[in-house]
Amino acid sequence: MKFKIDTKDTFTIIMPEEGQIDAKMTAALHEQCQEIRQSGSNNLIVDFQNCNEMDGTAVQGFVELHEESYSQDMSLVYTGISKQGINILKQDETDLLINIAPTMKEAIDIISMEILERDLFSEE
């Protein structure tokens, strides 16, 4: 599985270069996220703009990666998910359990707000 990685000051963008989002991709994505976190980047945006299809096997991987991130005070936002993918996530209300942003700008805003929140709460 190939991913394009773009590291910024406060977050890293991971963009799968394949077209199908499935359990195999989410497993590879999980490994990629672990590698990136070991290099010191704790805030991730996963951009699926190059992926035009999703199957239901990907849903559990999304939730597991999200829960793992937030249990370690890290941020994770998914963006660029197709309408078909959003419909799959809405079937069992997974869209309410994970961070999904319709655009990259909104994904960056979510990451920025979460960084600010963590900074504010750590000062108290």
Protein backbone atom coordinates (compact mmCIF):
# COMPACT_ATOMS: atom_id res chain seq x y z
CA MET A 1 0.00 0.00 0.00
CA LYS A 2 1.46 3.36 -0.99
CA PHE A 3 0.90 6.58 0.93
CA LYS A 4 1.96 10.12 0.17
CA ILE A 5 3.17 11.79 3.38
CA ASP A 6 3.25 15.57 3.85
CA THR A 7 4.69 16.74 7.19
CA LYS A 8 3.76 20.20 8.46
CA ASP A 9 4.76 21.97 11.68
CA THR A 10 1.86 20.73 13.81
CA PHE A 11 0.41 17.82 11.83
CA THR A 12 1.08 15.25 9.13
CA ILE A 13 -1.13 14.52 6.14
CA ILE A 14 -1.35 10.91 4.99
CA MET A 15 -2.83 10.40 1.54
CA PRO A 16 -3.42 6.85 0.28
CA GLU A 17 -2.61 6.56 -3.41
CA GLU A 18 -4.93 3.60 -4.01
CA GLY A 19 -8.58 3.73 -5.04
CA GLN A 20 -10.33 1.25 -2.70
CA ILE A 21 -10.78 1.81 1.05
CA ASP A 22 -11.09 -1.57 2.74
CA ALA A 23 -9.79 -3.52 5.74
CA LYS A 24 -6.46 -4.13 3.99
CA MET A 25 -5.98 -0.39 3.49
CA THR A 26 -6.97 0.51 7.05
CA ALA A 27 -4.48 -2.07 8.39
CA ALA A 28 -1.71 -0.53 6.27
CA LEU A 29 -2.85 2.94 7.35
CA HIS A 30 -2.62 1.87 10.99
CA GLU A 31 0.99 0.75 10.48
CA GLN A 32 1.81 4.00 8.67
CA CYS A 33 0.33 6.07 11.50
CA GLN A 34 2.42 4.19 14.07
CA GLU A 35 5.59 4.88 12.09
CA ILE A 36 4.76 8.57 11.78
CA ARG A 37 4.01 8.86 15.49
CA GLN A 38 7.34 7.24 16.34
CA SER A 39 9.02 10.02 14.37
CA GLY A 40 7.30 12.58 16.61
CA SER A 41 4.19 13.69 14.74
CA ASN A 42 1.11 13.20 16.92
CA ASN A 43 -1.59 14.94 14.87
CA LEU A 44 -2.70 13.26 11.68
CA ILE A 45 -5.01 14.05 8.80
CA VAL A 46 -5.91 11.15 6.52
CA ASP A 47 -6.95 12.47 3.11
CA PHE A 48 -8.90 9.98 0.99
CA GLN A 49 -9.33 12.25 -2.04
CA ASN A 50 -7.68 9.64 -4.32
CA CYS A 51 -9.99 6.87 -3.09
CA ASN A 52 -13.28 6.60 -4.91
CA GLU A 53 -14.72 3.49 -3.25
CA MET A 54 -15.14 2.14 0.27
CA ASP A 55 -16.45 -1.11 1.57
CA GLY A 56 -17.85 -1.86 5.00
CA THR A 57 -14.74 -3.75 6.10
CA ALA A 58 -12.90 -0.43 6.55
CA VAL A 59 -15.26 0.93 9.19
CA GLN A 60 -13.84 -0.92 12.21
CA GLY A 61 -10.30 0.12 11.26
CA PHE A 62 -11.35 3.78 11.20
CA VAL A 63 -12.84 3.52 14.68
CA GLU A 64 -9.87 1.62 16.14
CA LEU A 65 -7.35 4.12 14.78
CA HIS A 66 -9.46 7.02 16.06
CA GLU A 67 -9.80 5.53 19.56
CA GLU A 68 -6.09 4.72 19.74
CA SER A 69 -5.20 8.29 18.77
CA TYR A 70 -7.43 10.00 21.29
CA SER A 71 -6.50 7.63 24.13
CA GLN A 72 -2.93 8.92 23.71
CA ASP A 73 -3.90 12.63 23.51
CA MET A 74 -3.30 12.76 19.77
CA SER A 75 -5.55 14.07 17.01
CA LEU A 76 -6.85 12.28 13.92
CA VAL A 77 -9.17 13.64 11.25
CA TYR A 78 -10.40 11.90 8.10
CA THR A 79 -11.16 14.01 5.03
CA GLY A 80 -11.84 13.54 1.33
CA ILE A 81 -14.22 10.62 1.87
CA SER A 82 -16.57 10.07 -1.06
CA LYS A 83 -20.36 10.36 -0.70
CA GLN A 84 -20.58 6.58 -1.04
CA GLY A 85 -18.08 6.21 1.82
CA ILE A 86 -19.94 8.70 4.00
CA ASN A 87 -23.15 6.72 3.41
CA ILE A 88 -21.42 3.53 4.59
CA LEU A 89 -20.18 5.32 7.72
CA LYS A 90 -23.68 6.67 8.42
CA GLN A 91 -25.32 3.23 8.23
CA ASP A 92 -24.22 2.31 11.75
CA GLU A 93 -23.54 5.88 12.90
CA THR A 94 -19.76 5.50 12.72
CA ASP A 95 -19.71 9.05 11.34
CA LEU A 96 -20.61 10.18 14.88
CA LEU A 97 -17.69 8.28 16.47
CA ILE A 98 -14.80 9.61 14.38
CA ASN A 99 -13.66 13.03 13.16
CA ILE A 100 -14.66 13.59 9.55
CA ALA A 101 -14.08 16.91 7.81
CA PRO A 102 -15.54 17.69 4.38
CA THR A 103 -12.48 19.72 3.33
CA MET A 104 -8.78 19.86 4.11
CA LYS A 105 -9.17 23.38 5.53
CA GLU A 106 -11.76 22.13 8.02
CA ALA A 107 -9.55 19.16 8.93
CA ILE A 108 -6.68 21.55 9.68
CA ASP A 109 -9.04 23.70 11.77
CA ILE A 110 -10.08 20.67 13.85
CA ILE A 111 -6.45 19.72 14.46
CA SER A 112 -5.58 23.32 15.41
CA MET A 113 -8.49 23.57 17.86
CA GLU A 114 -7.61 20.26 19.50
CA ILE A 115 -3.97 21.32 19.93
CA LEU A 116 -5.17 24.55 21.52
CA GLU A 117 -7.56 22.67 23.84
CA ARG A 118 -4.83 20.29 25.00
CA ASP A 119 -2.49 23.24 25.64
CA LEU A 120 -5.17 25.08 27.65
CA PHE A 121 -6.10 22.02 29.73
CA SER A 122 -2.46 21.17 30.46
CA GLU A 123 -1.94 24.67 31.93
CA GLU A 124 -4.66 24.18 34.55
